[in-house]
Amino acid sequence: MNIAFWAPQGGDAAAGLCALLAASAALRFPCRTVVLDNYLAAKNLGSLLLGERFEEIRQSYRQFQADIKRGDTFLQFLSRETGKRIRGRKALEIIPDGLFFCPMNQSLPKDVFEYGFMEELPDLFEYCAETFDASFWNLEANRNFTTPWLLEQADKVVVLLPGSWEAFQKFFEDYKSLLHKSLIVLQEQPFMTLSMASLIRRIRKKYALPKEQLYGWCASANLQCALAEGKTVEYLCKYFHATKLSPEYEGMRCIYQLTAMLLQKERKQQPHSYPELGAPLMARRKSSSPASALTRDRAEGEELWVAE
């Protein structure tokens, strides 16, 4: 299953929710999940899962790539610097046999990366489907070659919108074709004219949306700090069994509900404290031929796109 996370208005919220739900799926059900970005940026899934050190490693790789031994890729460099294992030849293991992170090549110009990634994407899509139970794609808002393709091909789309009537109305008018496979999350805003519960009821009534398709979301101060520090998994583990007396209870309950809806699991299913060990990862399928304007410098574990 391929799940896209997208915020049409931009911002980092989609990346945060993508990392949270992928980690939640790996811990709770459990299943093998992988997270991927479709763009290069300092603030991405890597920083949410590995913290500020990811940006330092990213910059080091770009700066000293010429000094790295021949054949070393960013994935291998990242694995060595963090001490985390490479699994499935293209993914870094974050939660043992549960959550994986597939980093993009960090040494290319943005336009070169996007063109090469577009050519590689169908093969990568199939690789993820064969290797993992669910793939969580964090998409750039509207300024990327691959975002429209991924939105079209995804099995489900998690759409993050500001918590306002106008924001939902604009989404409905502009992207109605996505509505049938969308799970819409409204982010609580300061000085809302309607309460979140009232806004959700109004939208459901006006557009005849089922209850399971529209949710409200408000990140607590603890969660915002955890995301900023790259401690997404640590936050989930700490508040995994939060009780109703905990200030994190409502947020964790919402995360669990969203995860259950995405994976079509019964909400009454008892969560597991740790992910079960799964079957060995399947061998990676050979990728398609490169674009005519680019050549691919292959190294075990990653494709490197460079201009001819």
Protein backbone atom coordinates (compact mmCIF):
# COMPACT_ATOMS: atom_id res chain seq x y z
CA MET A 1 0.00 0.00 0.00
CA ASN A 2 1.29 3.45 -0.95
CA ILE A 3 0.12 6.38 1.17
CA ALA A 4 0.88 9.99 0.23
CA PHE A 5 1.02 12.84 2.76
CA TRP A 6 0.37 16.23 1.26
CA ALA A 7 -0.27 19.77 2.49
CA PRO A 8 -1.38 21.91 -0.50
CA GLN A 9 -0.59 25.10 1.41
CA GLY A 10 3.01 23.99 2.08
CA GLY A 11 4.87 23.77 5.37
CA ASP A 12 6.41 20.94 7.39
CA ALA A 13 3.24 19.50 8.92
CA ALA A 14 2.85 16.73 6.33
CA ALA A 15 6.35 15.41 7.06
CA GLY A 16 5.63 15.34 10.80
CA LEU A 17 2.37 13.43 10.43
CA CYS A 18 3.95 11.07 7.89
CA ALA A 19 6.73 10.13 10.32
CA LEU A 20 4.31 9.78 13.25
CA LEU A 21 1.85 7.48 11.48
CA ALA A 22 4.55 5.33 9.87
CA ALA A 23 6.21 4.81 13.26
CA SER A 24 2.82 4.20 14.90
CA ALA A 25 1.99 1.53 12.30
CA ALA A 26 5.33 -0.20 12.92
CA LEU A 27 4.89 -0.18 16.70
CA ARG A 28 1.19 -0.86 17.12
CA PHE A 29 -0.04 -3.40 14.61
CA PRO A 30 2.81 -4.25 13.77
CA CYS A 31 3.79 -3.98 10.12
CA ARG A 32 6.86 -3.13 8.09
CA THR A 33 6.72 0.49 6.89
CA VAL A 34 9.05 2.73 4.93
CA VAL A 35 9.08 6.53 4.72
CA LEU A 36 10.31 8.52 1.72
CA ASP A 37 10.55 12.19 0.66
CA ASN A 38 10.09 13.25 -2.96
CA TYR A 39 12.27 16.35 -2.55
CA LEU A 40 15.61 17.53 -1.18
CA ALA A 41 15.48 19.84 1.84
CA ALA A 42 17.12 20.32 5.20
CA LYS A 43 13.80 19.81 7.01
CA ASN A 44 12.57 16.39 5.94
CA LEU A 45 11.89 12.90 7.26
CA GLY A 46 15.54 12.35 8.05
CA SER A 47 15.63 15.26 10.49
CA LEU A 48 12.37 14.10 12.10
CA LEU A 49 13.68 10.58 12.69
CA LEU A 50 17.39 11.19 13.32
CA GLY A 51 17.42 14.72 14.72
CA GLU A 52 19.73 17.65 14.03
CA ARG A 53 22.57 15.25 13.33
CA PHE A 54 20.95 14.30 10.03
CA GLU A 55 21.55 17.78 8.65
CA GLU A 56 25.16 17.69 9.85
CA ILE A 57 25.68 14.32 8.14
CA ARG A 58 23.95 15.60 5.02
CA GLN A 59 26.22 18.64 4.82
CA SER A 60 29.31 16.55 5.52
CA TYR A 61 28.44 14.20 2.70
CA ARG A 62 27.97 17.06 0.25
CA GLN A 63 31.14 18.83 1.34
CA PHE A 64 33.52 15.90 1.57
CA GLN A 65 32.09 13.57 -1.05
CA ALA A 66 35.31 13.74 -3.06
CA ASP A 67 37.24 12.35 -0.07
CA ILE A 68 34.89 9.42 0.55
CA LYS A 69 36.11 6.06 -0.67
CA ARG A 70 34.93 5.14 -4.16
CA GLY A 71 31.52 3.50 -4.26
CA ASP A 72 30.33 4.87 -0.92
CA THR A 73 26.76 6.20 -1.15
CA PHE A 74 24.84 8.59 1.06
CA LEU A 75 22.92 5.63 2.53
CA GLN A 76 26.16 3.85 3.44
CA PHE A 77 27.62 7.09 4.78
CA LEU A 78 24.48 7.67 6.87
CA SER A 79 24.54 4.11 8.19
CA ARG A 80 28.16 4.41 9.27
CA GLU A 81 27.63 7.78 10.97
CA THR A 82 24.47 6.74 12.85
CA GLY A 83 25.32 3.10 13.56
CA LYS A 84 22.01 1.96 12.05
CA ARG A 85 21.74 -1.02 9.72
CA ILE A 86 20.91 -0.97 6.02
CA ARG A 87 18.05 -3.27 5.12
CA GLY A 88 16.62 -4.05 1.71
CA ARG A 89 19.69 -2.42 0.10
CA LYS A 90 18.01 1.01 -0.07
CA ALA A 91 16.60 1.66 3.41
CA LEU A 92 17.97 2.56 6.83
CA GLU A 93 16.44 0.62 9.72
CA ILE A 94 14.94 2.97 12.34
CA ILE A 95 12.79 0.50 14.34
CA PRO A 96 14.05 -3.11 14.11
CA ASP A 97 12.01 -4.95 11.46
CA GLY A 98 9.41 -2.19 11.70
CA LEU A 99 10.19 1.31 10.41
CA PHE A 100 12.64 2.09 7.61
CA PHE A 101 13.83 5.33 6.04
CA CYS A 102 14.82 5.54 2.38
CA PRO A 103 17.02 8.67 2.04
CA MET A 104 17.37 10.47 -1.25
CA ASN A 105 20.72 11.31 -2.86
CA GLN A 106 21.88 14.51 -1.16
CA SER A 107 24.67 15.53 -3.53
CA LEU A 108 22.71 16.62 -6.61
CA PRO A 109 21.21 19.95 -7.72
CA LYS A 110 17.46 20.09 -7.21
CA ASP A 111 16.47 20.06 -10.89
CA VAL A 112 18.83 17.19 -11.76
CA PHE A 113 17.57 15.18 -8.80
CA GLU A 114 13.91 15.71 -9.69
CA TYR A 115 14.33 14.68 -13.31
CA GLY A 116 16.28 11.54 -12.42
CA PHE A 117 13.91 10.70 -9.57
CA MET A 118 10.95 10.93 -11.94
CA GLU A 119 12.57 8.33 -14.19
CA GLU A 120 13.37 6.06 -11.24
CA LEU A 121 10.04 6.49 -9.47
CA PRO A 122 7.94 3.70 -11.08
CA ASP A 123 10.65 1.15 -10.25
CA LEU A 124 11.02 2.51 -6.71
CA PHE A 125 7.25 2.36 -6.30
CA GLU A 126 7.27 -1.33 -7.22
CA TYR A 127 10.27 -2.05 -5.00
CA CYS A 128 8.48 -0.55 -1.99
CA ALA A 129 5.30 -2.52 -2.74
CA GLU A 130 7.26 -5.80 -2.89
CA THR A 131 9.40 -5.16 0.18
CA PHE A 132 7.22 -3.34 2.71
CA ASP A 133 3.66 -3.61 3.98
CA ALA A 134 3.08 0.12 3.56
CA SER A 135 5.03 3.02 2.03
CA PHE A 136 4.53 6.51 3.47
CA TRP A 137 5.45 9.26 0.98
CA ASN A 138 6.04 12.83 2.18
CA LEU A 139 5.29 15.10 -0.78
CA GLU A 140 6.40 18.61 -1.57
CA ALA A 141 3.41 20.93 -1.93
CA ASN A 142 3.10 22.02 -5.57
CA ARG A 143 6.56 22.73 -6.92
CA ASN A 144 7.80 19.26 -7.77
CA PHE A 145 7.77 17.09 -10.91
CA THR A 146 6.74 13.94 -9.03
CA THR A 147 4.03 15.23 -6.68
CA PRO A 148 1.16 15.00 -9.23
CA TRP A 149 2.23 11.49 -10.27
CA LEU A 150 2.44 10.28 -6.68
CA LEU A 151 -0.93 11.79 -5.79
CA GLU A 152 -2.48 9.95 -8.72
CA GLN A 153 -0.78 6.61 -8.06
CA ALA A 154 -1.16 6.52 -4.26
CA ASP A 155 -3.73 4.16 -2.78
CA LYS A 156 -4.60 6.76 -0.15
CA VAL A 157 -3.80 10.43 0.34
CA VAL A 158 -3.60 12.12 3.72
CA VAL A 159 -4.36 15.80 3.10
CA LEU A 160 -3.44 18.36 5.75
CA LEU A 161 -5.44 21.57 5.66
CA PRO A 162 -5.69 24.60 7.94
CA GLY A 163 -8.70 24.35 10.21
CA SER A 164 -11.01 26.69 8.33
CA TRP A 165 -14.11 26.47 6.16
CA GLU A 166 -12.38 28.39 3.35
CA ALA A 167 -9.39 26.02 3.24
CA PHE A 168 -11.59 22.94 2.86
CA GLN A 169 -13.81 24.65 0.30
CA LYS A 170 -10.76 25.53 -1.83
CA PHE A 171 -9.46 21.96 -1.61
CA PHE A 172 -12.86 20.61 -2.65
CA GLU A 173 -13.03 22.95 -5.64
CA ASP A 174 -9.43 22.39 -6.82
CA TYR A 175 -8.85 18.73 -6.00
CA LYS A 176 -12.24 17.07 -5.96
CA SER A 177 -10.86 14.12 -7.95
CA LEU A 178 -8.74 13.13 -4.92
CA LEU A 179 -11.60 13.16 -2.46
CA HIS A 180 -12.60 9.49 -2.90
CA LYS A 181 -9.24 8.25 -1.56
CA SER A 182 -8.39 11.11 0.80
CA LEU A 183 -8.24 11.15 4.57
CA ILE A 184 -8.46 14.83 5.48
CA VAL A 185 -6.82 16.23 8.61
CA LEU A 186 -7.70 19.76 9.72
CA GLN A 187 -5.00 21.49 11.74
CA GLU A 188 -6.19 23.61 14.64
CA GLN A 189 -5.42 27.29 14.10
CA PRO A 190 -5.15 30.21 16.53
CA PHE A 191 -8.29 32.36 16.81
CA MET A 192 -10.60 29.93 14.99
CA THR A 193 -14.11 31.37 14.57
CA LEU A 194 -15.61 27.89 14.99
CA SER A 195 -14.51 25.13 17.34
CA MET A 196 -12.88 22.18 15.59
CA ALA A 197 -15.80 19.90 16.45
CA SER A 198 -18.32 22.40 15.03
CA LEU A 199 -16.26 22.91 11.87
CA ILE A 200 -16.01 19.16 11.26
CA ARG A 201 -19.76 18.68 11.75
CA ARG A 202 -20.49 21.53 9.33
CA ILE A 203 -18.18 20.16 6.63
CA ARG A 204 -19.50 16.61 6.99
CA LYS A 205 -23.07 17.81 6.67
CA LYS A 206 -22.40 20.11 3.70
CA TYR A 207 -20.31 17.64 1.69
CA ALA A 208 -21.81 14.37 2.94
CA LEU A 209 -18.46 13.04 4.12
CA PRO A 210 -18.30 9.86 6.22
CA LYS A 211 -17.09 10.24 9.78
CA GLU A 212 -13.90 8.25 9.06
CA GLN A 213 -12.71 10.66 6.37
CA LEU A 214 -12.32 13.89 8.34
CA TYR A 215 -10.30 14.48 11.50
CA GLY A 216 -9.14 17.38 13.63
CA TRP A 217 -5.51 17.64 14.70
CA CYS A 218 -3.68 19.67 17.30
CA ALA A 219 -0.05 18.88 18.13
CA SER A 220 0.75 19.26 21.82
CA ALA A 221 3.76 21.24 23.01
CA ASN A 222 5.57 18.00 23.86
CA LEU A 223 4.95 16.60 20.39
CA GLN A 224 6.10 19.80 18.69
CA CYS A 225 9.34 19.68 20.70
CA ALA A 226 9.84 16.00 19.87
CA LEU A 227 9.40 16.66 16.14
CA ALA A 228 11.74 19.65 16.25
CA GLU A 229 14.42 17.57 18.00
CA GLY A 230 14.00 14.54 15.74
CA LYS A 231 12.64 12.35 18.55
CA THR A 232 9.49 11.15 16.82
CA VAL A 233 9.93 7.47 17.70
CA GLU A 234 11.01 8.27 21.25
CA TYR A 235 7.84 10.34 21.75
CA LEU A 236 5.60 7.50 20.59
CA CYS A 237 7.36 4.97 22.80
CA LYS A 238 7.16 7.27 25.84
CA TYR A 239 3.42 7.93 25.49
CA PHE A 240 2.46 4.61 23.91
CA HIS A 241 0.18 3.70 26.83
CA ALA A 242 -0.90 7.23 27.80
CA THR A 243 -3.96 7.22 30.07
CA LYS A 244 -6.88 9.63 29.98
CA LEU A 245 -5.19 11.66 32.71
CA SER A 246 -2.19 12.34 30.47
CA PRO A 247 -2.12 15.60 28.45
CA GLU A 248 -0.88 13.49 25.50
CA TYR A 249 -3.86 11.11 25.58
CA GLU A 250 -6.02 12.86 22.97
CA GLY A 251 -3.12 13.30 20.59
CA MET A 252 -2.07 9.64 20.89
CA ARG A 253 -5.68 8.56 20.45
CA CYS A 254 -5.92 10.58 17.23
CA ILE A 255 -2.63 9.09 15.95
CA TYR A 256 -3.93 5.58 16.64
CA GLN A 257 -7.26 6.28 14.92
CA LEU A 258 -5.56 7.71 11.84
CA THR A 259 -3.16 4.76 11.66
CA ALA A 260 -6.02 2.29 11.99
CA MET A 261 -7.99 3.97 9.21
CA LEU A 262 -5.02 4.04 6.86
CA LEU A 263 -4.19 0.39 7.37
CA GLN A 264 -7.85 -0.68 7.59
CA LYS A 265 -7.32 -2.40 10.90
CA GLU A 266 -9.95 -2.96 13.54
CA ARG A 267 -9.64 -0.31 16.21
CA LYS A 268 -10.45 -2.84 18.92
CA GLN A 269 -7.35 -4.87 18.04
CA GLN A 270 -4.93 -5.03 20.95
CA PRO A 271 -1.76 -3.08 20.18
CA HIS A 272 1.64 -4.72 20.56
CA SER A 273 4.44 -3.16 22.54
CA TYR A 274 7.04 -4.24 20.00
CA PRO A 275 6.91 -5.14 16.32
CA GLU A 276 6.96 -8.83 15.44
CA LEU A 277 9.83 -10.21 13.43
CA GLY A 278 8.85 -10.55 9.79
CA ALA A 279 10.11 -12.57 6.86
CA PRO A 280 13.44 -11.56 5.31
CA LEU A 281 13.26 -8.62 2.99
CA MET A 282 12.77 -9.51 -0.66
CA ALA A 283 15.62 -8.99 -3.04
CA ARG A 284 15.55 -5.64 -4.76
CA ARG A 285 14.14 -5.67 -8.27
CA LYS A 286 16.45 -4.35 -10.98
CA SER A 287 15.51 -0.83 -11.95
CA SER A 288 14.65 0.43 -15.40
CA SER A 289 17.09 2.04 -17.81
CA PRO A 290 18.06 5.67 -17.14
CA ALA A 291 16.83 8.73 -18.94
CA SER A 292 18.68 9.62 -22.13
CA ALA A 293 19.91 12.95 -20.72
CA LEU A 294 21.33 11.36 -17.58
CA THR A 295 23.60 8.50 -16.67
CA ARG A 296 23.38 6.46 -13.51
CA ASP A 297 26.51 5.75 -11.52
CA ARG A 298 25.54 2.57 -9.70
CA ALA A 299 26.81 1.61 -6.29
CA GLU A 300 25.41 -1.11 -4.10
CA GLY A 301 22.50 0.31 -2.15
CA GLU A 302 21.63 3.44 -4.14
CA GLU A 303 21.33 4.95 -7.60
CA LEU A 304 23.28 8.18 -8.10
CA TRP A 305 21.95 10.51 -10.78
CA VAL A 306 24.51 12.79 -12.44
CA ALA A 307 24.38 15.01 -15.54
CA GLU A 308 26.17 13.71 -18.62
